[in-house]
Amino acid sequence: MDERDERIRKRAYEIWESEGRREGDHMAHWHRARQELDGGSVEEVNEQASERFNSDEEKRPLDETVTLGTPPMGSPD
């Protein structure tokens, strides 16, 4: 990872923390951080990130929990 990517990664992490550490928005955070570091205004960056976030058709509600079952035990024969 080069220096620019590292700065973007750190800024994306800060954004993620500031928004409550909600999972699933990592790409929006990455794009927003990249635009901020490339000189976009905060308002422009926020608007574009909001548009990306709101265009996602398959969002899970925040309170939905994914439960994985126990894998079956037995011989592969």
N, C-alpha and C. Protein backbone atom coordinates (compact mmCIF):
# COMPACT_ATOMS: atom_id res chain seq x y z
N MET A 1 0.86 -1.17 0.00
CA MET A 1 0.00 0.00 0.00
C MET A 1 0.90 1.24 0.00
N ASP A 2 0.64 2.15 -0.93
CA ASP A 2 1.46 3.36 -0.99
C ASP A 2 0.99 4.39 0.05
N GLU A 3 1.72 5.48 0.14
CA GLU A 3 1.44 6.51 1.16
C GLU A 3 0.04 7.12 0.98
N ARG A 4 -0.36 7.37 -0.25
CA ARG A 4 -1.68 7.96 -0.51
C ARG A 4 -2.79 7.01 -0.05
N ASP A 5 -2.68 5.75 -0.40
CA ASP A 5 -3.68 4.77 0.02
C ASP A 5 -3.74 4.65 1.54
N GLU A 6 -2.60 4.74 2.19
CA GLU A 6 -2.56 4.67 3.64
C GLU A 6 -3.28 5.87 4.26
N ARG A 7 -3.09 7.06 3.70
CA ARG A 7 -3.80 8.25 4.19
C ARG A 7 -5.30 8.10 3.99
N ILE A 8 -5.70 7.58 2.83
CA ILE A 8 -7.12 7.35 2.55
C ILE A 8 -7.68 6.34 3.54
N ARG A 9 -6.95 5.26 3.77
CA ARG A 9 -7.41 4.23 4.71
C ARG A 9 -7.62 4.80 6.11
N LYS A 10 -6.67 5.61 6.58
CA LYS A 10 -6.80 6.22 7.91
C LYS A 10 -8.00 7.16 7.98
N ARG A 11 -8.20 7.96 6.92
CA ARG A 11 -9.33 8.90 6.92
C ARG A 11 -10.66 8.14 6.84
N ALA A 12 -10.71 7.07 6.03
CA ALA A 12 -11.93 6.26 5.93
C ALA A 12 -12.26 5.65 7.30
N TYR A 13 -11.24 5.22 8.02
CA TYR A 13 -11.45 4.66 9.35
C TYR A 13 -12.02 5.73 10.30
N GLU A 14 -11.49 6.95 10.22
CA GLU A 14 -12.01 8.04 11.05
C GLU A 14 -13.47 8.31 10.73
N ILE A 15 -13.82 8.30 9.45
CA ILE A 15 -15.21 8.52 9.04
C ILE A 15 -16.09 7.41 9.59
N TRP A 16 -15.64 6.16 9.46
CA TRP A 16 -16.38 5.01 9.96
C TRP A 16 -16.64 5.15 11.46
N GLU A 17 -15.60 5.52 12.22
CA GLU A 17 -15.77 5.72 13.66
C GLU A 17 -16.75 6.84 13.96
N SER A 18 -16.66 7.95 13.23
CA SER A 18 -17.52 9.11 13.49
C SER A 18 -18.98 8.83 13.17
N GLU A 19 -19.22 7.82 12.31
CA GLU A 19 -20.60 7.48 11.94
C GLU A 19 -21.13 6.28 12.73
N GLY A 20 -20.47 5.95 13.83
CA GLY A 20 -20.99 4.92 14.72
C GLY A 20 -20.52 3.51 14.44
N ARG A 21 -19.48 3.35 13.63
CA ARG A 21 -18.89 2.04 13.35
C ARG A 21 -19.88 1.06 12.73
N ARG A 22 -20.79 1.56 11.94
CA ARG A 22 -21.77 0.71 11.27
C ARG A 22 -21.10 -0.03 10.13
N GLU A 23 -21.35 -1.32 10.05
CA GLU A 23 -20.75 -2.16 9.01
C GLU A 23 -21.49 -1.98 7.69
N GLY A 24 -20.78 -2.21 6.60
CA GLY A 24 -21.41 -2.24 5.28
C GLY A 24 -21.24 -0.98 4.46
N ASP A 25 -20.68 0.08 5.02
CA ASP A 25 -20.53 1.33 4.29
C ASP A 25 -19.08 1.61 3.93
N HIS A 26 -18.24 0.59 3.94
CA HIS A 26 -16.82 0.80 3.76
C HIS A 26 -16.46 1.47 2.44
N MET A 27 -17.17 1.13 1.37
CA MET A 27 -16.84 1.74 0.08
C MET A 27 -17.21 3.23 0.06
N ALA A 28 -18.34 3.58 0.65
CA ALA A 28 -18.72 4.99 0.74
C ALA A 28 -17.69 5.76 1.56
N HIS A 29 -17.23 5.16 2.65
CA HIS A 29 -16.22 5.81 3.49
C HIS A 29 -14.91 5.98 2.72
N TRP A 30 -14.54 4.95 1.95
CA TRP A 30 -13.30 5.02 1.17
C TRP A 30 -13.39 6.13 0.12
N HIS A 31 -14.51 6.17 -0.61
CA HIS A 31 -14.68 7.20 -1.65
C HIS A 31 -14.69 8.60 -1.05
N ARG A 32 -15.38 8.74 0.07
CA ARG A 32 -15.44 10.05 0.73
C ARG A 32 -14.06 10.48 1.19
N ALA A 33 -13.30 9.56 1.79
CA ALA A 33 -11.95 9.89 2.25
C ALA A 33 -11.06 10.26 1.07
N ARG A 34 -11.17 9.51 -0.01
CA ARG A 34 -10.35 9.79 -1.20
C ARG A 34 -10.68 11.17 -1.75
N GLN A 35 -11.96 11.49 -1.83
CA GLN A 35 -12.34 12.80 -2.37
C GLN A 35 -11.89 13.93 -1.44
N GLU A 36 -12.02 13.72 -0.14
CA GLU A 36 -11.57 14.75 0.80
C GLU A 36 -10.07 15.01 0.61
N LEU A 37 -9.30 13.95 0.50
CA LEU A 37 -7.86 14.10 0.37
C LEU A 37 -7.44 14.61 -1.00
N ASP A 38 -8.32 14.43 -2.00
CA ASP A 38 -8.03 14.95 -3.35
C ASP A 38 -8.53 16.38 -3.53
N GLY A 39 -9.11 16.97 -2.48
CA GLY A 39 -9.45 18.37 -2.53
C GLY A 39 -10.92 18.70 -2.72
N GLY A 40 -11.81 17.74 -2.65
CA GLY A 40 -13.24 18.03 -2.74
C GLY A 40 -13.71 18.71 -1.46
N SER A 41 -14.71 19.57 -1.57
CA SER A 41 -15.24 20.20 -0.37
C SER A 41 -16.02 19.18 0.45
N VAL A 42 -16.12 19.39 1.74
CA VAL A 42 -16.82 18.47 2.63
C VAL A 42 -18.28 18.33 2.19
N GLU A 43 -18.90 19.44 1.79
CA GLU A 43 -20.30 19.38 1.36
C GLU A 43 -20.46 18.51 0.12
N GLU A 44 -19.57 18.68 -0.86
CA GLU A 44 -19.62 17.87 -2.08
C GLU A 44 -19.39 16.40 -1.77
N VAL A 45 -18.42 16.15 -0.94
CA VAL A 45 -18.09 14.78 -0.58
C VAL A 45 -19.26 14.13 0.16
N ASN A 46 -19.85 14.84 1.12
CA ASN A 46 -20.98 14.30 1.86
C ASN A 46 -22.17 14.04 0.95
N GLU A 47 -22.44 14.94 0.03
CA GLU A 47 -23.56 14.76 -0.89
C GLU A 47 -23.34 13.53 -1.77
N GLN A 48 -22.15 13.37 -2.31
CA GLN A 48 -21.87 12.23 -3.17
C GLN A 48 -21.91 10.92 -2.38
N ALA A 49 -21.38 10.92 -1.17
CA ALA A 49 -21.42 9.71 -0.33
C ALA A 49 -22.86 9.36 0.01
N SER A 50 -23.66 10.37 0.29
CA SER A 50 -25.07 10.14 0.59
C SER A 50 -25.80 9.55 -0.61
N GLU A 51 -25.52 10.06 -1.79
CA GLU A 51 -26.14 9.52 -3.00
C GLU A 51 -25.76 8.07 -3.21
N ARG A 52 -24.49 7.74 -3.00
CA ARG A 52 -24.06 6.34 -3.15
C ARG A 52 -24.75 5.45 -2.12
N PHE A 53 -24.80 5.93 -0.88
CA PHE A 53 -25.40 5.15 0.20
C PHE A 53 -26.88 4.92 -0.07
N ASN A 54 -27.58 5.97 -0.46
CA ASN A 54 -29.03 5.87 -0.66
C ASN A 54 -29.41 5.11 -1.92
N SER A 55 -28.48 4.88 -2.82
CA SER A 55 -28.80 4.15 -4.04
C SER A 55 -28.70 2.64 -3.83
N ASP A 56 -28.20 2.21 -2.70
CA ASP A 56 -28.07 0.78 -2.42
C ASP A 56 -29.45 0.20 -2.14
N GLU A 57 -29.88 -0.73 -2.99
CA GLU A 57 -31.23 -1.28 -2.89
C GLU A 57 -31.34 -2.41 -1.87
N GLU A 58 -30.26 -3.06 -1.53
CA GLU A 58 -30.33 -4.23 -0.66
C GLU A 58 -29.67 -3.97 0.68
N LYS A 59 -30.19 -3.01 1.43
CA LYS A 59 -29.64 -2.71 2.74
C LYS A 59 -30.36 -3.55 3.79
N ARG A 60 -29.60 -3.96 4.79
CA ARG A 60 -30.19 -4.64 5.92
C ARG A 60 -30.50 -3.60 6.99
N PRO A 61 -31.60 -3.78 7.71
CA PRO A 61 -31.85 -2.88 8.84
C PRO A 61 -30.73 -3.03 9.87
N LEU A 62 -30.45 -1.96 10.60
CA LEU A 62 -29.37 -1.98 11.58
C LEU A 62 -29.56 -3.04 12.65
N ASP A 63 -30.82 -3.33 13.00
CA ASP A 63 -31.06 -4.26 14.10
C ASP A 63 -31.15 -5.71 13.63
N GLU A 64 -30.99 -5.98 12.35
CA GLU A 64 -31.06 -7.35 11.86
C GLU A 64 -29.77 -8.08 12.21
N THR A 65 -29.91 -9.28 12.73
CA THR A 65 -28.77 -10.09 13.10
C THR A 65 -28.70 -11.31 12.19
N VAL A 66 -27.53 -11.61 11.74
CA VAL A 66 -27.32 -12.79 10.91
C VAL A 66 -26.88 -13.91 11.83
N THR A 67 -27.60 -15.04 11.79
CA THR A 67 -27.26 -16.18 12.61
C THR A 67 -26.86 -17.34 11.71
N LEU A 68 -25.71 -17.88 11.98
CA LEU A 68 -25.23 -19.02 11.21
C LEU A 68 -25.49 -20.29 12.00
N GLY A 69 -25.99 -21.31 11.33
CA GLY A 69 -26.25 -22.58 12.00
C GLY A 69 -24.98 -23.37 12.20
N THR A 70 -25.10 -24.43 12.95
CA THR A 70 -23.98 -25.34 13.19
C THR A 70 -23.78 -26.20 11.96
N PRO A 71 -22.55 -26.34 11.49
CA PRO A 71 -22.32 -27.17 10.32
C PRO A 71 -22.61 -28.63 10.64
N PRO A 72 -23.11 -29.37 9.65
CA PRO A 72 -23.41 -30.79 9.91
C PRO A 72 -22.12 -31.55 10.18
N MET A 73 -22.22 -32.50 11.07
CA MET A 73 -21.09 -33.34 11.41
C MET A 73 -21.30 -34.70 10.76
N GLY A 74 -20.26 -35.29 10.30
CA GLY A 74 -20.38 -36.61 9.71
C GLY A 74 -19.22 -36.87 8.78
N SER A 75 -19.21 -38.03 8.27
CA SER A 75 -18.16 -38.45 7.37
C SER A 75 -18.44 -37.97 5.96
N PRO A 76 -17.40 -37.53 5.24
CA PRO A 76 -17.61 -37.09 3.87
C PRO A 76 -17.84 -38.24 2.92
N ASP A 77 -17.74 -39.52 3.40
CA ASP A 77 -17.94 -40.70 2.53
C ASP A 77 -19.39 -40.84 2.16
